[in-house]
Amino acid sequence: MDRSRLMQALRAGASRTAAARYAGASLADLDKALAQDADLLAEVEGAEAECEVRCCGAIMRAATERPVEIRERTTKPDGTVVEKVRSGTEVDAKAAQWWLQVRRRSTFGR
């Protein structure tokens, strides 16, 4: 099993099954190696945690209010176009909703 390919796949978010295959092994081979090698287990769990933290960060950035420019165009009766630009904020409410439903299931889950 190619350990560096295994870690690369896990850090990218692959399942253990897909990561094992990518590394040239089966899930059974990986499970056996994990049971016999505490250092490998720690490295696998660390790679999985790294991916989870990166993904949570992306979700939180999407769910955080951020400044945006809002452009409004209107056309006058004479055909001239007037554009107004103002500042505002936006947030990806779906990202926030998803996080709450997954991480706070007892309160926000379906």
C-alpha atoms as a PDB file:
ATOM      1  CA  MET A   1       0.000   0.000   0.000  1.00  0.00           C
ATOM      2  CA  ASP A   2       1.400   3.388  -1.011  1.00  0.00           C
ATOM      3  CA  ARG A   3       1.168   5.369   2.251  1.00  0.00           C
ATOM      4  CA  SER A   4       1.682   8.782   0.639  1.00  0.00           C
ATOM      5  CA  ARG A   5      -1.142   8.156  -1.856  1.00  0.00           C
ATOM      6  CA  LEU A   6      -3.367   6.965   1.005  1.00  0.00           C
ATOM      7  CA  MET A   7      -2.778  10.194   2.945  1.00  0.00           C
ATOM      8  CA  GLN A   8      -3.203  12.322  -0.182  1.00  0.00           C
ATOM      9  CA  ALA A   9      -6.612  10.766  -0.841  1.00  0.00           C
ATOM     10  CA  LEU A  10      -7.769  11.075   2.773  1.00  0.00           C
ATOM     11  CA  ARG A  11      -6.697  14.723   2.967  1.00  0.00           C
ATOM     12  CA  ALA A  12      -8.697  15.334  -0.224  1.00  0.00           C
ATOM     13  CA  GLY A  13     -11.816  13.889   1.435  1.00  0.00           C
ATOM     14  CA  ALA A  14     -11.939  10.386  -0.015  1.00  0.00           C
ATOM     15  CA  SER A  15     -13.522   7.589   1.969  1.00  0.00           C
ATOM     16  CA  ARG A  16     -11.217   4.994   3.460  1.00  0.00           C
ATOM     17  CA  THR A  17     -12.380   2.544   0.785  1.00  0.00           C
ATOM     18  CA  ALA A  18     -11.520   4.893  -2.078  1.00  0.00           C
ATOM     19  CA  ALA A  19      -8.271   5.986  -0.436  1.00  0.00           C
ATOM     20  CA  ALA A  20      -7.174   2.376   0.042  1.00  0.00           C
ATOM     21  CA  ARG A  21      -7.926   1.584  -3.601  1.00  0.00           C
ATOM     22  CA  TYR A  22      -6.060   4.720  -4.712  1.00  0.00           C
ATOM     23  CA  ALA A  23      -3.106   3.519  -2.640  1.00  0.00           C
ATOM     24  CA  GLY A  24      -3.186   0.086  -4.256  1.00  0.00           C
ATOM     25  CA  ALA A  25      -4.911  -1.860  -1.489  1.00  0.00           C
ATOM     26  CA  SER A  26      -8.343  -2.992  -0.373  1.00  0.00           C
ATOM     27  CA  LEU A  27     -10.306  -1.690   2.593  1.00  0.00           C
ATOM     28  CA  ALA A  28      -9.645  -5.018   4.336  1.00  0.00           C
ATOM     29  CA  ASP A  29      -5.890  -4.497   3.819  1.00  0.00           C
ATOM     30  CA  LEU A  30      -6.162  -0.985   5.249  1.00  0.00           C
ATOM     31  CA  ASP A  31      -8.220  -2.128   8.242  1.00  0.00           C
ATOM     32  CA  LYS A  32      -5.658  -4.867   8.980  1.00  0.00           C
ATOM     33  CA  ALA A  33      -2.777  -2.385   8.743  1.00  0.00           C
ATOM     34  CA  LEU A  34      -4.597   0.078  11.014  1.00  0.00           C
ATOM     35  CA  ALA A  35      -5.167  -2.634  13.632  1.00  0.00           C
ATOM     36  CA  GLN A  36      -1.447  -3.486  13.614  1.00  0.00           C
ATOM     37  CA  ASP A  37       0.118  -0.006  13.317  1.00  0.00           C
ATOM     38  CA  ALA A  38      -0.836   2.717  15.818  1.00  0.00           C
ATOM     39  CA  ASP A  39       1.284   5.288  13.971  1.00  0.00           C
ATOM     40  CA  LEU A  40      -0.579   4.614  10.722  1.00  0.00           C
ATOM     41  CA  LEU A  41      -3.912   4.896  12.547  1.00  0.00           C
ATOM     42  CA  ALA A  42      -2.896   8.247  14.014  1.00  0.00           C
ATOM     43  CA  GLU A  43      -1.768   9.475  10.598  1.00  0.00           C
ATOM     44  CA  VAL A  44      -5.028   8.344   8.944  1.00  0.00           C
ATOM     45  CA  GLU A  45      -7.150   9.986  11.639  1.00  0.00           C
ATOM     46  CA  GLY A  46      -5.064  13.149  11.341  1.00  0.00           C
ATOM     47  CA  ALA A  47      -5.551  13.279   7.559  1.00  0.00           C
ATOM     48  CA  GLU A  48      -9.303  12.779   7.978  1.00  0.00           C
ATOM     49  CA  ALA A  49      -9.438  15.522  10.627  1.00  0.00           C
ATOM     50  CA  GLU A  50      -7.460  17.888   8.387  1.00  0.00           C
ATOM     51  CA  CYS A  51     -10.018  17.435   5.617  1.00  0.00           C
ATOM     52  CA  GLU A  52     -12.947  17.905   7.994  1.00  0.00           C
ATOM     53  CA  VAL A  53     -11.515  21.117   9.425  1.00  0.00           C
ATOM     54  CA  ARG A  54     -10.829  22.482   5.929  1.00  0.00           C
ATOM     55  CA  CYS A  55     -14.394  21.693   4.826  1.00  0.00           C
ATOM     56  CA  CYS A  56     -15.910  23.199   7.982  1.00  0.00           C
ATOM     57  CA  GLY A  57     -13.861  26.336   7.352  1.00  0.00           C
ATOM     58  CA  ALA A  58     -15.230  26.613   3.824  1.00  0.00           C
ATOM     59  CA  ILE A  59     -18.795  26.200   5.101  1.00  0.00           C
ATOM     60  CA  MET A  60     -18.285  28.788   7.835  1.00  0.00           C
ATOM     61  CA  ARG A  61     -16.774  31.274   5.361  1.00  0.00           C
ATOM     62  CA  ALA A  62     -19.827  30.815   3.130  1.00  0.00           C
ATOM     63  CA  ALA A  63     -22.149  31.213   6.120  1.00  0.00           C
ATOM     64  CA  THR A  64     -20.457  34.383   7.382  1.00  0.00           C
ATOM     65  CA  GLU A  65     -21.827  37.784   6.433  1.00  0.00           C
ATOM     66  CA  ARG A  66     -19.540  39.553   4.002  1.00  0.00           C
ATOM     67  CA  PRO A  67     -19.595  42.929   2.253  1.00  0.00           C
ATOM     68  CA  VAL A  68     -20.753  43.156  -1.360  1.00  0.00           C
ATOM     69  CA  GLU A  69     -21.434  45.849  -3.931  1.00  0.00           C
ATOM     70  CA  ILE A  70     -25.044  46.043  -5.046  1.00  0.00           C
ATOM     71  CA  ARG A  71     -25.547  47.516  -8.505  1.00  0.00           C
ATOM     72  CA  GLU A  72     -28.941  48.761  -9.630  1.00  0.00           C
ATOM     73  CA  ARG A  73     -29.506  49.862 -13.219  1.00  0.00           C
ATOM     74  CA  THR A  74     -32.464  51.797 -14.417  1.00  0.00           C
ATOM     75  CA  THR A  75     -33.247  53.167 -17.841  1.00  0.00           C
ATOM     76  CA  LYS A  76     -34.712  56.641 -18.088  1.00  0.00           C
ATOM     77  CA  PRO A  77     -37.457  57.426 -20.612  1.00  0.00           C
ATOM     78  CA  ASP A  78     -34.866  59.102 -22.853  1.00  0.00           C
ATOM     79  CA  GLY A  79     -32.888  55.814 -23.023  1.00  0.00           C
ATOM     80  CA  THR A  80     -29.989  56.728 -20.768  1.00  0.00           C
ATOM     81  CA  VAL A  81     -28.930  54.138 -18.260  1.00  0.00           C
ATOM     82  CA  VAL A  82     -28.272  55.143 -14.685  1.00  0.00           C
ATOM     83  CA  GLU A  83     -26.353  52.813 -12.438  1.00  0.00           C
ATOM     84  CA  LYS A  84     -26.381  53.167  -8.673  1.00  0.00           C
ATOM     85  CA  VAL A  85     -23.848  51.325  -6.571  1.00  0.00           C
ATOM     86  CA  ARG A  86     -24.332  50.802  -2.866  1.00  0.00           C
ATOM     87  CA  SER A  87     -22.755  48.673  -0.209  1.00  0.00           C
ATOM     88  CA  GLY A  88     -24.526  45.763   1.359  1.00  0.00           C
ATOM     89  CA  THR A  89     -23.893  42.371   2.881  1.00  0.00           C
ATOM     90  CA  GLU A  90     -24.716  38.810   1.914  1.00  0.00           C
ATOM     91  CA  VAL A  91     -24.527  35.408   3.529  1.00  0.00           C
ATOM     92  CA  ASP A  92     -25.044  31.884   2.191  1.00  0.00           C
ATOM     93  CA  ALA A  93     -27.935  30.918   4.436  1.00  0.00           C
ATOM     94  CA  LYS A  94     -28.028  27.373   3.025  1.00  0.00           C
ATOM     95  CA  ALA A  95     -24.471  26.749   4.239  1.00  0.00           C
ATOM     96  CA  ALA A  96     -25.419  27.939   7.721  1.00  0.00           C
ATOM     97  CA  GLN A  97     -28.612  25.862   7.670  1.00  0.00           C
ATOM     98  CA  TRP A  98     -26.730  22.729   6.591  1.00  0.00           C
ATOM     99  CA  TRP A  99     -24.123  23.162   9.327  1.00  0.00           C
ATOM    100  CA  LEU A 100     -26.780  23.584  11.998  1.00  0.00           C
ATOM    101  CA  GLN A 101     -28.743  20.551  10.781  1.00  0.00           C
ATOM    102  CA  VAL A 102     -25.654  18.340  10.746  1.00  0.00           C
ATOM    103  CA  ARG A 103     -23.755  19.575  13.789  1.00  0.00           C
ATOM    104  CA  ARG A 104     -26.733  20.525  15.987  1.00  0.00           C
ATOM    105  CA  ARG A 105     -29.080  17.748  14.900  1.00  0.00           C
ATOM    106  CA  SER A 106     -31.022  17.569  18.175  1.00  0.00           C
ATOM    107  CA  THR A 107     -32.113  21.198  17.834  1.00  0.00           C
ATOM    108  CA  PHE A 108     -32.100  21.876  14.088  1.00  0.00           C
ATOM    109  CA  GLY A 109     -32.220  18.410  12.482  1.00  0.00           C
ATOM    110  CA  ARG A 110     -35.104  17.202  10.390  1.00  0.00           C
END
